[in-house]
Amino acid sequence: MLFPKKVKYRKWHTMRQNPKKVGPATRGVNVSFGSHGLKAMAPGRITSNQIESARKVITRNLGKTGRVWIRIFPDMPFTKKPAEVKMGKGKGDIEGYCARVLAGQVMFEVDGTLAPVAIESLRKGGTKMPIKTKVVARN
């Protein structure tokens, strides 16, 4: 699982609750390293477990010849309070790390395999994501 080695602040503010007001991504929208990519069609937060799950599915489906690039990194901590704890008494403990993803951002890229295999492996990886995704080819 991905998580930062060291952080300046252990707990962050929760950030904006409505990412639709932020708008689509302007950076990281093109397939730069591979031949095909998995693009986010909606904004959201993707946990490190979901990234790892998608990576496993993609690499397993690609075989030995394919190469995978992960274009997102979970650097934002999210917290959770224990079950049956009353309101107040401070912020909860860190549960894990997540990555903020805007609409139009490329999350995974693959190369070194045939186009149908790359498309199918990215489609399977997209099923592990909590948001709508689309497979795109390099321009």
Protein backbone atom coordinates (compact mmCIF):
# COMPACT_ATOMS: atom_id res chain seq x y z
CA MET A 1 0.00 0.00 0.00
CA LEU A 2 1.11 3.53 -0.74
CA PHE A 3 1.54 6.14 1.98
CA PRO A 4 3.97 9.01 2.55
CA LYS A 5 7.25 8.36 4.38
CA LYS A 6 7.00 11.55 6.41
CA VAL A 7 4.34 14.25 6.77
CA LYS A 8 4.56 17.79 8.11
CA TYR A 9 1.10 17.69 9.68
CA ARG A 10 -0.41 14.43 10.92
CA LYS A 11 -4.07 15.45 10.50
CA TRP A 12 -5.46 17.65 7.74
CA HIS A 13 -8.63 19.65 7.41
CA THR A 14 -11.34 17.73 5.60
CA MET A 15 -11.12 19.90 2.43
CA ARG A 16 -14.02 21.04 0.29
CA GLN A 17 -17.00 18.71 0.45
CA ASN A 18 -18.24 19.55 -3.05
CA PRO A 19 -15.41 18.95 -5.55
CA LYS A 20 -17.78 19.77 -8.45
CA LYS A 21 -17.31 23.45 -7.59
CA VAL A 22 -13.56 23.10 -8.17
CA GLY A 23 -14.03 22.00 -11.80
CA PRO A 24 -12.21 19.50 -14.01
CA ALA A 25 -8.46 18.86 -13.83
CA THR A 26 -6.06 20.89 -15.95
CA ARG A 27 -2.88 18.96 -15.11
CA GLY A 28 -2.34 15.24 -15.58
CA VAL A 29 -5.04 14.91 -18.23
CA ASN A 30 -2.91 13.37 -21.03
CA VAL A 31 -1.45 9.89 -21.39
CA SER A 32 2.28 10.67 -21.01
CA PHE A 33 4.16 7.43 -20.30
CA GLY A 34 2.17 4.50 -21.71
CA SER A 35 0.03 3.74 -24.72
CA HIS A 36 -3.32 3.56 -22.84
CA GLY A 37 -4.57 5.17 -19.65
CA LEU A 38 -7.41 5.02 -17.12
CA LYS A 39 -9.05 8.42 -16.77
CA ALA A 40 -11.35 9.57 -13.96
CA MET A 41 -14.67 10.93 -15.23
CA ALA A 42 -15.83 12.31 -11.87
CA PRO A 43 -14.08 13.88 -8.88
CA GLY A 44 -13.52 11.88 -5.72
CA ARG A 45 -11.16 10.46 -3.13
CA ILE A 46 -9.37 7.18 -3.77
CA THR A 47 -7.82 5.35 -0.85
CA SER A 48 -4.47 3.60 -0.97
CA ASN A 49 -6.25 0.23 -0.67
CA GLN A 50 -8.28 0.95 -3.81
CA ILE A 51 -5.16 2.03 -5.72
CA GLU A 52 -3.33 -1.14 -4.69
CA SER A 53 -6.32 -3.32 -5.59
CA ALA A 54 -6.55 -1.78 -9.07
CA ARG A 55 -2.77 -2.10 -9.56
CA LYS A 56 -2.89 -5.82 -8.70
CA VAL A 57 -5.72 -6.48 -11.16
CA ILE A 58 -4.02 -4.52 -13.95
CA THR A 59 -0.61 -6.19 -13.54
CA ARG A 60 -2.15 -9.65 -13.23
CA ASN A 61 -4.11 -9.17 -16.45
CA LEU A 62 -1.20 -7.63 -18.39
CA GLY A 63 1.17 -10.51 -17.85
CA LYS A 64 4.97 -10.35 -17.80
CA THR A 65 5.40 -8.06 -20.79
CA GLY A 66 3.29 -5.08 -19.69
CA ARG A 67 4.41 -2.08 -17.64
CA VAL A 68 2.16 -0.03 -15.32
CA TRP A 69 2.50 3.59 -14.18
CA ILE A 70 0.52 4.93 -11.23
CA ARG A 71 -0.06 8.65 -11.75
CA ILE A 72 -1.77 9.38 -8.40
CA PHE A 73 -0.34 9.20 -4.88
CA PRO A 74 -2.31 9.04 -1.61
CA ASP A 75 -0.82 11.86 0.47
CA MET A 76 -3.96 13.12 2.25
CA PRO A 77 -4.69 11.50 5.64
CA PHE A 78 -8.28 10.70 6.61
CA THR A 79 -9.43 10.09 10.15
CA LYS A 80 -12.16 8.05 11.80
CA LYS A 81 -13.50 7.95 15.32
CA PRO A 82 -14.09 4.58 16.98
CA ALA A 83 -17.56 3.03 17.05
CA GLU A 84 -20.00 4.17 19.76
CA VAL A 85 -17.99 7.23 20.77
CA LYS A 86 -19.89 10.42 21.71
CA MET A 87 -19.59 13.63 19.71
CA GLY A 88 -16.79 16.03 20.58
CA LYS A 89 -13.55 15.14 22.34
CA GLY A 90 -11.39 16.03 19.33
CA LYS A 91 -10.64 14.62 15.93
CA GLY A 92 -10.34 10.87 15.39
CA ASP A 93 -7.23 8.81 14.76
CA ILE A 94 -5.74 8.44 11.28
CA GLU A 95 -7.44 5.61 9.40
CA GLY A 96 -5.37 5.77 6.21
CA TYR A 97 -4.35 7.91 3.26
CA CYS A 98 -6.24 8.89 0.13
CA ALA A 99 -5.59 10.70 -3.14
CA ARG A 100 -7.77 13.56 -4.37
CA VAL A 101 -8.75 12.99 -8.00
CA LEU A 102 -10.43 15.56 -10.23
CA ALA A 103 -12.51 14.79 -13.30
CA GLY A 104 -10.32 14.19 -16.34
CA GLN A 105 -7.20 13.12 -14.45
CA VAL A 106 -5.28 10.06 -15.72
CA MET A 107 -4.76 7.62 -12.82
CA PHE A 108 -3.05 4.59 -14.42
CA GLU A 109 -1.10 4.03 -17.63
CA VAL A 110 0.03 0.81 -19.31
CA ASP A 111 2.39 -0.03 -22.16
CA GLY A 112 4.27 -2.99 -23.65
CA THR A 113 1.29 -5.10 -24.64
CA LEU A 114 -1.34 -5.40 -27.34
CA ALA A 115 -4.14 -2.82 -27.40
CA PRO A 116 -7.03 -5.21 -26.57
CA VAL A 117 -5.13 -6.62 -23.58
CA ALA A 118 -4.28 -3.11 -22.32
CA ILE A 119 -7.87 -1.92 -22.67
CA GLU A 120 -9.27 -4.98 -20.90
CA SER A 121 -6.81 -4.76 -18.01
CA LEU A 122 -7.56 -1.04 -17.47
CA ARG A 123 -11.30 -1.74 -17.65
CA LYS A 124 -10.91 -4.35 -14.91
CA GLY A 125 -8.83 -1.93 -12.84
CA GLY A 126 -11.54 0.72 -13.26
CA THR A 127 -14.08 -1.55 -11.60
CA LYS A 128 -12.07 -1.26 -8.36
CA MET A 129 -12.42 2.54 -8.33
CA PRO A 130 -15.23 4.31 -6.43
CA ILE A 131 -15.79 6.72 -9.34
CA LYS A 132 -16.67 6.44 -13.03
CA THR A 133 -13.64 5.81 -15.24
CA LYS A 134 -12.82 5.62 -18.94
CA VAL A 135 -10.01 3.96 -20.89
CA VAL A 136 -8.20 6.41 -23.19
CA ALA A 137 -5.46 5.94 -25.79
CA ARG A 138 -2.42 8.10 -26.37
CA ASN A 139 -3.00 10.96 -28.84
